[in-house]
Structures are given as C-alpha cells and as structure tokens.
Amino acid sequence: MLSVCSTWFKRGRGKQFKIPTRWSSQGRYNVIGAYQLRPQDQLRPQDQASTLQYRFLKGRCDAPQVIAFLQTLAQQASQQAKLTVVVLDNARFHTSAGIKEQLDRWFEMGLWLYYLPPYSPKLNLIEGLWRTIKGFLMPRRSYNTLLELMDSLLLAFRSIQASEI
C-alpha cells in the first residue's frame, strides 16, 4: 500500500517527471534556534520556564550562519555572566573547522557546546519544540507563497513568546 505522499508514474523515454512547485523560485528560508530551559526553583513570577530564540536564514543553513548565531549566543552569555550550554547534533555545519576554531573563545565568553551522540535526535529537546510548532501551532495546509508560510511561522513563534535574535 502506498502512503498518501507516494505515487507511481510511467517513465517516459528517459525524461524525469517533475512535480511543479508553487514558490520554489521565491527562495529558501531556514530557521535556527536555541531553546533555553530554566529550572523552576530559579524562576521569578514574571519569568517563563523556557524560551525560544530564533533566527531566519536566507538560503541553506551553513557553517558561517551557524557561527554567527552561536557568536550572538556567546555575547549574551558574556553579558549575563552565566555559563550557557548549547546542545548540538552532529550536522556537518555544527562540526565545521570554523566552529572548532571558536570553541576556546566562546568558552571564555561563557558558551559551551555539547555534542549529542550520533543518531539521537530524541535527546535534543528543541526537536520536540520544532515538532510542536510544525504539527500543532501552524495550520496544516499548503502555502501559496513563501510570505504566507513566514506569516504562519511568525504567528506560531508569537504564540509561544519566542524572540528573534
């Protein structure tokens, strides 16, 4: 039995079948985020237990964009004078030479990178948050434009009081 997203088609004379898309020519965006957890016993009444900080990336996610994001987090950690631990998976752009060059400097600023074991996305708490945003907070539909998709995503971020950095 085929899933809802699968189909069969007759292959014709070496031509590849292309599925038309609505807005692929408008570009590509990615979102990178940091999910900050605070222990309940350290909360003041006005604080949230957890917060999401995010940044939109135009085009593909690559090492220079990740380095810029981590640099922002390191500056925040330095200003707060608290050790900040960032949990990362082993994606190529998380383990690049550029990131390895910054590790000592970031640690001095209060940012420490912790890498998960390979193939363990269930250990990364932000994965559950992304699943909630995509599966419950955003309307399940096909978006006609990239702008419609971005608006829906921003509405989901506002509903959980996420902040853009």
N, C-alpha and C. Protein backbone atom coordinates (compact mmCIF):
# COMPACT_ATOMS: atom_id res chain seq x y z
N MET A 1 0.84 -1.18 0.00
CA MET A 1 0.00 0.00 0.00
C MET A 1 0.88 1.23 0.00
N LEU A 2 0.56 2.21 -0.82
CA LEU A 2 1.33 3.45 -0.90
C LEU A 2 0.84 4.45 0.13
N SER A 3 1.77 5.24 0.64
CA SER A 3 1.38 6.29 1.58
C SER A 3 0.71 7.42 0.80
N VAL A 4 0.14 8.37 1.51
CA VAL A 4 -0.56 9.49 0.89
C VAL A 4 0.38 10.30 -0.01
N CYS A 5 1.65 10.36 0.35
CA CYS A 5 2.60 11.20 -0.38
C CYS A 5 3.30 10.48 -1.53
N SER A 6 2.99 9.23 -1.77
CA SER A 6 3.67 8.48 -2.81
C SER A 6 2.75 8.28 -4.01
N THR A 7 3.36 8.12 -5.15
CA THR A 7 2.59 7.84 -6.36
C THR A 7 3.48 7.08 -7.34
N TRP A 8 2.85 6.45 -8.31
CA TRP A 8 3.56 5.78 -9.39
C TRP A 8 3.27 6.53 -10.67
N PHE A 9 4.24 6.57 -11.55
CA PHE A 9 4.02 7.17 -12.86
C PHE A 9 4.83 6.38 -13.89
N LYS A 10 4.35 6.40 -15.10
CA LYS A 10 5.04 5.69 -16.17
C LYS A 10 6.24 6.52 -16.60
N ARG A 11 7.36 5.88 -16.64
CA ARG A 11 8.58 6.56 -17.04
C ARG A 11 8.60 6.66 -18.56
N GLY A 12 8.85 7.85 -19.04
CA GLY A 12 8.79 8.02 -20.48
C GLY A 12 10.11 8.41 -21.10
N ARG A 13 10.68 7.54 -21.86
CA ARG A 13 11.86 7.79 -22.71
C ARG A 13 12.97 8.60 -22.04
N GLY A 14 13.32 8.23 -20.83
CA GLY A 14 14.46 8.87 -20.17
C GLY A 14 14.17 10.23 -19.58
N LYS A 15 12.95 10.71 -19.69
CA LYS A 15 12.62 12.02 -19.13
C LYS A 15 12.23 11.85 -17.67
N GLN A 16 12.74 12.75 -16.86
CA GLN A 16 12.41 12.71 -15.44
C GLN A 16 11.11 13.48 -15.21
N PHE A 17 10.24 12.91 -14.42
CA PHE A 17 8.98 13.56 -14.09
C PHE A 17 9.25 14.62 -13.03
N LYS A 18 8.77 15.83 -13.25
CA LYS A 18 8.95 16.90 -12.29
C LYS A 18 7.60 17.31 -11.73
N ILE A 19 7.56 17.44 -10.43
CA ILE A 19 6.35 17.91 -9.77
C ILE A 19 6.45 19.42 -9.65
N PRO A 20 5.48 20.15 -10.18
CA PRO A 20 5.56 21.61 -10.12
C PRO A 20 5.42 22.10 -8.67
N THR A 21 6.15 23.15 -8.35
CA THR A 21 6.05 23.75 -7.03
C THR A 21 5.52 25.16 -7.19
N ARG A 22 4.97 25.66 -6.12
CA ARG A 22 4.35 26.98 -6.19
C ARG A 22 5.32 28.12 -5.97
N TRP A 23 6.25 27.96 -5.03
CA TRP A 23 7.07 29.11 -4.68
C TRP A 23 8.55 28.80 -4.53
N SER A 24 9.03 27.76 -5.15
CA SER A 24 10.45 27.45 -5.02
C SER A 24 11.33 28.53 -5.64
N SER A 25 10.79 29.27 -6.60
CA SER A 25 11.57 30.34 -7.23
C SER A 25 11.70 31.56 -6.31
N GLN A 26 10.90 31.60 -5.24
CA GLN A 26 10.95 32.73 -4.32
C GLN A 26 12.10 32.59 -3.32
N GLY A 27 12.79 31.51 -3.35
CA GLY A 27 13.92 31.33 -2.46
C GLY A 27 13.66 30.29 -1.39
N ARG A 28 14.59 30.20 -0.47
CA ARG A 28 14.53 29.21 0.59
C ARG A 28 14.89 29.88 1.90
N TYR A 29 14.16 29.54 2.94
CA TYR A 29 14.47 30.03 4.28
C TYR A 29 14.61 28.85 5.21
N ASN A 30 15.48 28.99 6.18
CA ASN A 30 15.63 28.03 7.26
C ASN A 30 15.51 28.79 8.56
N VAL A 31 15.27 28.08 9.63
CA VAL A 31 15.21 28.69 10.96
C VAL A 31 16.21 27.95 11.84
N ILE A 32 17.01 28.72 12.55
CA ILE A 32 17.92 28.14 13.54
C ILE A 32 17.46 28.66 14.89
N GLY A 33 17.53 27.83 15.91
CA GLY A 33 17.00 28.26 17.20
C GLY A 33 17.78 27.74 18.38
N ALA A 34 17.57 28.41 19.50
CA ALA A 34 18.14 28.00 20.78
C ALA A 34 16.99 27.95 21.78
N TYR A 35 16.82 26.83 22.43
CA TYR A 35 15.75 26.60 23.38
C TYR A 35 16.35 26.67 24.77
N GLN A 36 15.98 27.70 25.52
CA GLN A 36 16.57 27.93 26.82
C GLN A 36 15.65 27.40 27.91
N LEU A 37 16.18 26.52 28.73
CA LEU A 37 15.43 25.96 29.85
C LEU A 37 15.90 26.61 31.14
N ARG A 38 14.96 26.90 32.01
CA ARG A 38 15.30 27.45 33.32
C ARG A 38 14.70 26.53 34.39
N PRO A 39 15.47 26.17 35.39
CA PRO A 39 14.91 25.36 36.47
C PRO A 39 13.78 26.12 37.17
N GLN A 40 12.72 25.42 37.54
CA GLN A 40 11.56 26.05 38.15
C GLN A 40 11.91 26.76 39.46
N ASP A 41 12.87 26.25 40.22
CA ASP A 41 13.18 26.86 41.51
C ASP A 41 13.94 28.18 41.37
N GLN A 42 14.42 28.51 40.15
CA GLN A 42 15.13 29.76 39.94
C GLN A 42 14.26 30.81 39.27
N LEU A 43 13.00 30.52 39.05
CA LEU A 43 12.12 31.44 38.34
C LEU A 43 11.53 32.49 39.27
N ARG A 44 11.49 33.69 38.76
CA ARG A 44 10.71 34.74 39.41
C ARG A 44 9.32 34.69 38.79
N PRO A 45 8.30 35.25 39.40
CA PRO A 45 6.94 35.15 38.85
C PRO A 45 6.80 35.64 37.42
N GLN A 46 7.58 36.63 37.03
CA GLN A 46 7.44 37.18 35.68
C GLN A 46 8.23 36.39 34.63
N ASP A 47 9.06 35.42 35.04
CA ASP A 47 9.87 34.65 34.10
C ASP A 47 9.09 33.48 33.51
N GLN A 48 9.50 33.08 32.33
CA GLN A 48 8.97 31.86 31.72
C GLN A 48 9.90 30.71 32.06
N ALA A 49 9.35 29.49 32.05
CA ALA A 49 10.17 28.32 32.33
C ALA A 49 11.13 28.04 31.18
N SER A 50 10.71 28.30 29.96
CA SER A 50 11.58 28.08 28.82
C SER A 50 11.26 29.09 27.73
N THR A 51 12.25 29.38 26.92
CA THR A 51 12.06 30.35 25.85
C THR A 51 12.79 29.87 24.60
N LEU A 52 12.29 30.30 23.46
CA LEU A 52 12.93 30.01 22.18
C LEU A 52 13.47 31.30 21.61
N GLN A 53 14.72 31.27 21.21
CA GLN A 53 15.32 32.36 20.46
C GLN A 53 15.61 31.80 19.08
N TYR A 54 15.28 32.55 18.04
CA TYR A 54 15.43 32.03 16.68
C TYR A 54 16.01 33.09 15.75
N ARG A 55 16.44 32.61 14.61
CA ARG A 55 16.92 33.49 13.54
C ARG A 55 16.55 32.85 12.21
N PHE A 56 16.03 33.67 11.30
CA PHE A 56 15.75 33.21 9.94
C PHE A 56 17.03 33.25 9.14
N LEU A 57 17.26 32.22 8.35
CA LEU A 57 18.43 32.14 7.48
C LEU A 57 17.95 32.09 6.05
N LYS A 58 18.39 33.03 5.23
CA LYS A 58 18.04 33.02 3.82
C LYS A 58 18.95 32.03 3.12
N GLY A 59 18.36 31.13 2.36
CA GLY A 59 19.14 30.10 1.67
C GLY A 59 19.39 28.92 2.57
N ARG A 60 20.41 28.19 2.26
CA ARG A 60 20.74 26.97 3.01
C ARG A 60 21.40 27.33 4.34
N CYS A 61 21.27 26.43 5.29
CA CYS A 61 21.95 26.58 6.57
C CYS A 61 23.39 26.11 6.37
N ASP A 62 24.35 26.97 6.67
CA ASP A 62 25.74 26.59 6.51
C ASP A 62 26.56 27.05 7.72
N ALA A 63 27.81 26.66 7.75
CA ALA A 63 28.67 26.92 8.90
C ALA A 63 28.79 28.41 9.24
N PRO A 64 29.02 29.33 8.28
CA PRO A 64 29.12 30.74 8.66
C PRO A 64 27.86 31.28 9.34
N GLN A 65 26.69 30.83 8.91
CA GLN A 65 25.46 31.29 9.55
C GLN A 65 25.33 30.72 10.97
N VAL A 66 25.73 29.48 11.15
CA VAL A 66 25.68 28.87 12.48
C VAL A 66 26.69 29.56 13.39
N ILE A 67 27.87 29.87 12.88
CA ILE A 67 28.89 30.57 13.67
C ILE A 67 28.37 31.94 14.11
N ALA A 68 27.71 32.67 13.21
CA ALA A 68 27.16 33.98 13.56
C ALA A 68 26.09 33.85 14.65
N PHE A 69 25.25 32.83 14.55
CA PHE A 69 24.22 32.60 15.56
C PHE A 69 24.85 32.26 16.91
N LEU A 70 25.83 31.37 16.91
CA LEU A 70 26.50 30.99 18.15
C LEU A 70 27.28 32.17 18.75
N GLN A 71 27.81 33.02 17.90
CA GLN A 71 28.51 34.22 18.39
C GLN A 71 27.53 35.13 19.14
N THR A 72 26.31 35.26 18.62
CA THR A 72 25.28 36.05 19.31
C THR A 72 24.97 35.44 20.67
N LEU A 73 24.83 34.12 20.73
CA LEU A 73 24.57 33.45 22.00
C LEU A 73 25.74 33.63 22.96
N ALA A 74 26.97 33.59 22.44
CA ALA A 74 28.15 33.78 23.28
C ALA A 74 28.17 35.20 23.86
N GLN A 75 27.80 36.19 23.06
CA GLN A 75 27.75 37.56 23.56
C GLN A 75 26.70 37.71 24.66
N GLN A 76 25.55 37.05 24.48
CA GLN A 76 24.51 37.08 25.52
C GLN A 76 25.02 36.42 26.80
N ALA A 77 25.70 35.29 26.67
CA ALA A 77 26.23 34.58 27.84
C ALA A 77 27.25 35.45 28.56
N SER A 78 28.07 36.15 27.80
CA SER A 78 29.08 37.02 28.39
C SER A 78 28.43 38.18 29.16
N GLN A 79 27.37 38.75 28.60
CA GLN A 79 26.67 39.86 29.26
C GLN A 79 25.98 39.40 30.54
N GLN A 80 25.45 38.17 30.53
CA GLN A 80 24.74 37.64 31.70
C GLN A 80 25.71 37.05 32.73
N ALA A 81 26.96 36.85 32.33
CA ALA A 81 27.99 36.26 33.20
C ALA A 81 27.55 34.90 33.74
N LYS A 82 26.90 34.11 32.88
CA LYS A 82 26.48 32.75 33.25
C LYS A 82 26.93 31.79 32.17
N LEU A 83 27.29 30.59 32.59
CA LEU A 83 27.64 29.56 31.62
C LEU A 83 26.40 29.15 30.86
N THR A 84 26.48 29.15 29.55
CA THR A 84 25.38 28.73 28.68
C THR A 84 25.84 27.50 27.93
N VAL A 85 25.05 26.43 28.00
CA VAL A 85 25.37 25.18 27.31
C VAL A 85 24.44 25.07 26.11
N VAL A 86 25.02 24.88 24.93
CA VAL A 86 24.25 24.69 23.70
C VAL A 86 24.43 23.24 23.28
N VAL A 87 23.30 22.54 23.14
CA VAL A 87 23.31 21.15 22.72
C VAL A 87 23.16 21.11 21.21
N LEU A 88 24.07 20.43 20.54
CA LEU A 88 24.07 20.34 19.08
C LEU A 88 24.09 18.88 18.64
N ASP A 89 23.50 18.64 17.47
CA ASP A 89 23.67 17.32 16.88
C ASP A 89 24.95 17.34 16.06
N ASN A 90 25.19 16.33 15.30
CA ASN A 90 26.45 16.23 14.57
C ASN A 90 26.32 16.60 13.10
N ALA A 91 25.43 17.54 12.80
CA ALA A 91 25.32 18.02 11.43
C ALA A 91 26.65 18.62 10.99
N ARG A 92 26.94 18.54 9.71
CA ARG A 92 28.22 19.00 9.20
C ARG A 92 28.49 20.46 9.56
N PHE A 93 27.45 21.31 9.49
CA PHE A 93 27.66 22.73 9.79
C PHE A 93 27.80 22.99 11.29
N HIS A 94 27.53 22.00 12.15
CA HIS A 94 27.77 22.14 13.59
C HIS A 94 29.18 21.72 13.99
N THR A 95 29.83 20.97 13.13
CA THR A 95 31.15 20.43 13.46
C THR A 95 32.24 20.95 12.54
N SER A 96 31.99 22.06 11.89
CA SER A 96 32.95 22.59 10.92
C SER A 96 34.23 23.08 11.59
N ALA A 97 35.25 23.25 10.79
CA ALA A 97 36.53 23.75 11.30
C ALA A 97 36.37 25.15 11.88
N GLY A 98 35.52 25.96 11.27
CA GLY A 98 35.29 27.32 11.77
C GLY A 98 34.72 27.33 13.18
N ILE A 99 33.84 26.40 13.47
CA ILE A 99 33.27 26.31 14.82
C ILE A 99 34.34 25.82 15.80
N LYS A 100 35.12 24.82 15.39
CA LYS A 100 36.17 24.31 16.27
C LYS A 100 37.19 25.38 16.62
N GLU A 101 37.45 26.30 15.68
CA GLU A 101 38.39 27.40 15.94
C GLU A 101 37.87 28.35 17.01
N GLN A 102 36.55 28.46 17.15
CA GLN A 102 35.94 29.41 18.07
C GLN A 102 35.70 28.84 19.47
N LEU A 103 35.82 27.53 19.65
CA LEU A 103 35.42 26.89 20.90
C LEU A 103 36.06 27.51 22.14
N ASP A 104 37.37 27.71 22.13
CA ASP A 104 38.04 28.26 23.32
C ASP A 104 37.57 29.69 23.61
N ARG A 105 37.44 30.50 22.58
CA ARG A 105 37.00 31.88 22.77
C ARG A 105 35.57 31.93 23.30
N TRP A 106 34.70 31.10 22.75
CA TRP A 106 33.32 31.07 23.21
C TRP A 106 33.24 30.58 24.65
N PHE A 107 34.08 29.60 25.01
CA PHE A 107 34.06 29.10 26.39
C PHE A 107 34.45 30.22 27.36
N GLU A 108 35.44 31.03 26.97
CA GLU A 108 35.83 32.16 27.80
C GLU A 108 34.69 33.17 27.95
N MET A 109 33.83 33.25 26.94
CA MET A 109 32.68 34.16 26.98
C MET A 109 31.50 33.55 27.75
N GLY A 110 31.58 32.25 28.05
CA GLY A 110 30.52 31.60 28.80
C GLY A 110 29.62 30.69 27.97
N LEU A 111 30.05 30.36 26.76
CA LEU A 111 29.26 29.48 25.90
C LEU A 111 30.00 28.16 25.72
N TRP A 112 29.35 27.07 26.06
CA TRP A 112 29.96 25.75 25.93
C TRP A 112 29.09 24.91 25.00
N LEU A 113 29.70 24.27 24.02
CA LEU A 113 28.98 23.43 23.07
C LEU A 113 29.07 21.98 23.51
N TYR A 114 27.91 21.33 23.54
CA TYR A 114 27.82 19.91 23.90
C TYR A 114 27.23 19.17 22.72
N TYR A 115 27.95 18.19 22.22
CA TYR A 115 27.51 17.42 21.05
C TYR A 115 26.84 16.12 21.49
N LEU A 116 25.66 15.88 20.94
CA LEU A 116 24.93 14.65 21.21
C LEU A 116 25.60 13.47 20.52
N PRO A 117 25.36 12.27 21.00
CA PRO A 117 25.85 11.10 20.26
C PRO A 117 25.17 11.04 18.89
N PRO A 118 25.82 10.44 17.90
CA PRO A 118 25.20 10.34 16.57
C PRO A 118 23.85 9.63 16.62
N TYR A 119 22.97 10.07 15.74
CA TYR A 119 21.65 9.45 15.55
C TYR A 119 20.82 9.41 16.83
N SER A 120 20.77 10.52 17.54
CA SER A 120 19.99 10.56 18.79
C SER A 120 19.15 11.85 18.87
N PRO A 121 18.29 12.11 17.89
CA PRO A 121 17.52 13.36 17.92
C PRO A 121 16.54 13.43 19.10
N LYS A 122 16.16 12.29 19.66
CA LYS A 122 15.23 12.31 20.79
C LYS A 122 15.85 12.91 22.05
N LEU A 123 17.18 12.97 22.10
CA LEU A 123 17.85 13.58 23.24
C LEU A 123 17.89 15.10 23.16
N ASN A 124 17.62 15.66 21.99
CA ASN A 124 17.67 17.10 21.80
C ASN A 124 16.28 17.69 22.01
N LEU A 125 16.09 18.42 23.10
CA LEU A 125 14.78 18.93 23.48
C LEU A 125 14.17 19.87 22.44
N ILE A 126 14.99 20.57 21.69
CA ILE A 126 14.45 21.51 20.72
C ILE A 126 13.72 20.78 19.58
N GLU A 127 14.07 19.52 19.33
CA GLU A 127 13.39 18.76 18.28
C GLU A 127 11.91 18.60 18.60
N GLY A 128 11.59 18.38 19.87
CA GLY A 128 10.19 18.30 20.29
C GLY A 128 9.47 19.61 20.11
N LEU A 129 10.16 20.71 20.36
CA LEU A 129 9.57 22.03 20.16
C LEU A 129 9.30 22.29 18.68
N TRP A 130 10.25 21.94 17.80
CA TRP A 130 10.03 22.12 16.36
C TRP A 130 8.83 21.28 15.91
N ARG A 131 8.72 20.07 16.45
CA ARG A 131 7.59 19.20 16.10
C ARG A 131 6.26 19.83 16.53
N THR A 132 6.24 20.43 17.71
CA THR A 132 5.03 21.10 18.20
C THR A 132 4.68 22.29 17.33
N ILE A 133 5.66 23.08 16.96
CA ILE A 133 5.41 24.25 16.12
C ILE A 133 4.85 23.82 14.77
N LYS A 134 5.51 22.85 14.13
CA LYS A 134 5.08 22.42 12.79
C LYS A 134 3.80 21.61 12.82
N GLY A 135 3.59 20.83 13.87
CA GLY A 135 2.45 19.92 13.90
C GLY A 135 1.20 20.47 14.53
N PHE A 136 1.34 21.45 15.43
CA PHE A 136 0.17 21.92 16.16
C PHE A 136 -0.06 23.42 16.07
N LEU A 137 1.00 24.21 16.07
CA LEU A 137 0.83 25.67 16.12
C LEU A 137 0.66 26.30 14.74
N MET A 138 1.11 25.62 13.71
CA MET A 138 0.96 26.15 12.35
C MET A 138 -0.19 25.41 11.66
N PRO A 139 -1.01 26.14 10.91
CA PRO A 139 -2.09 25.46 10.19
C PRO A 139 -1.54 24.43 9.22
N ARG A 140 -2.18 23.28 9.17
CA ARG A 140 -1.74 22.23 8.25
C ARG A 140 -2.37 22.49 6.90
N ARG A 141 -1.61 23.07 6.03
CA ARG A 141 -2.10 23.36 4.70
C ARG A 141 -0.92 23.60 3.78
N SER A 142 -1.22 23.72 2.52
CA SER A 142 -0.20 24.04 1.53
C SER A 142 -0.23 25.56 1.35
N TYR A 143 0.92 26.19 1.51
CA TYR A 143 1.01 27.64 1.42
C TYR A 143 1.26 28.05 -0.02
N ASN A 144 0.53 29.06 -0.48
CA ASN A 144 0.67 29.51 -1.86
C ASN A 144 1.92 30.34 -2.09
N THR A 145 2.38 31.03 -1.07
CA THR A 145 3.57 31.87 -1.21
C THR A 145 4.48 31.66 -0.01
N LEU A 146 5.72 32.02 -0.19
CA LEU A 146 6.67 31.95 0.91
C LEU A 146 6.27 32.93 2.01
N LEU A 147 5.71 34.07 1.64
CA LEU A 147 5.26 35.06 2.62
C LEU A 147 4.16 34.49 3.52
N GLU A 148 3.23 33.73 2.95
CA GLU A 148 2.17 33.10 3.75
C GLU A 148 2.77 32.12 4.76
N LEU A 149 3.74 31.36 4.32
CA LEU A 149 4.41 30.41 5.21
C LEU A 149 5.13 31.15 6.34
N MET A 150 5.83 32.22 6.00
CA MET A 150 6.56 33.01 7.00
C MET A 150 5.59 33.63 8.00
N ASP A 151 4.46 34.15 7.53
CA ASP A 151 3.46 34.74 8.42
C ASP A 151 2.93 33.72 9.40
N SER A 152 2.66 32.51 8.92
CA SER A 152 2.16 31.45 9.77
C SER A 152 3.21 31.05 10.82
N LEU A 153 4.45 31.00 10.39
CA LEU A 153 5.54 30.65 11.31
C LEU A 153 5.72 31.72 12.37
N LEU A 154 5.65 32.99 11.97
CA LEU A 154 5.79 34.08 12.93
C LEU A 154 4.65 34.08 13.94
N LEU A 155 3.45 33.76 13.49
CA LEU A 155 2.31 33.66 14.39
C LEU A 155 2.53 32.55 15.42
N ALA A 156 3.05 31.42 14.97
CA ALA A 156 3.36 30.31 15.89
C ALA A 156 4.43 30.74 16.89
N PHE A 157 5.46 31.45 16.43
CA PHE A 157 6.51 31.92 17.34
C PHE A 157 5.94 32.90 18.36
N ARG A 158 5.07 33.81 17.92
CA ARG A 158 4.45 34.75 18.86
C ARG A 158 3.62 34.03 19.91
N SER A 159 2.95 32.95 19.52
CA SER A 159 2.09 32.23 20.47
C SER A 159 2.88 31.57 21.59
N ILE A 160 4.16 31.29 21.37
CA ILE A 160 4.99 30.73 22.43
C ILE A 160 5.97 31.76 22.97
N GLN A 161 5.77 33.01 22.61
CA GLN A 161 6.59 34.14 23.07
C GLN A 161 8.08 33.96 22.74
N ALA A 162 8.34 33.46 21.54
CA ALA A 162 9.73 33.31 21.06
C ALA A 162 10.25 34.68 20.66
N SER A 163 11.56 34.84 20.67
CA SER A 163 12.15 36.13 20.30
C SER A 163 13.20 35.91 19.21
N GLU A 164 13.23 36.85 18.28
CA GLU A 164 14.20 36.78 17.19
C GLU A 164 15.50 37.45 17.63
N ILE A 165 16.62 36.79 17.35
CA ILE A 165 17.93 37.38 17.68
C ILE A 165 18.78 37.47 16.43
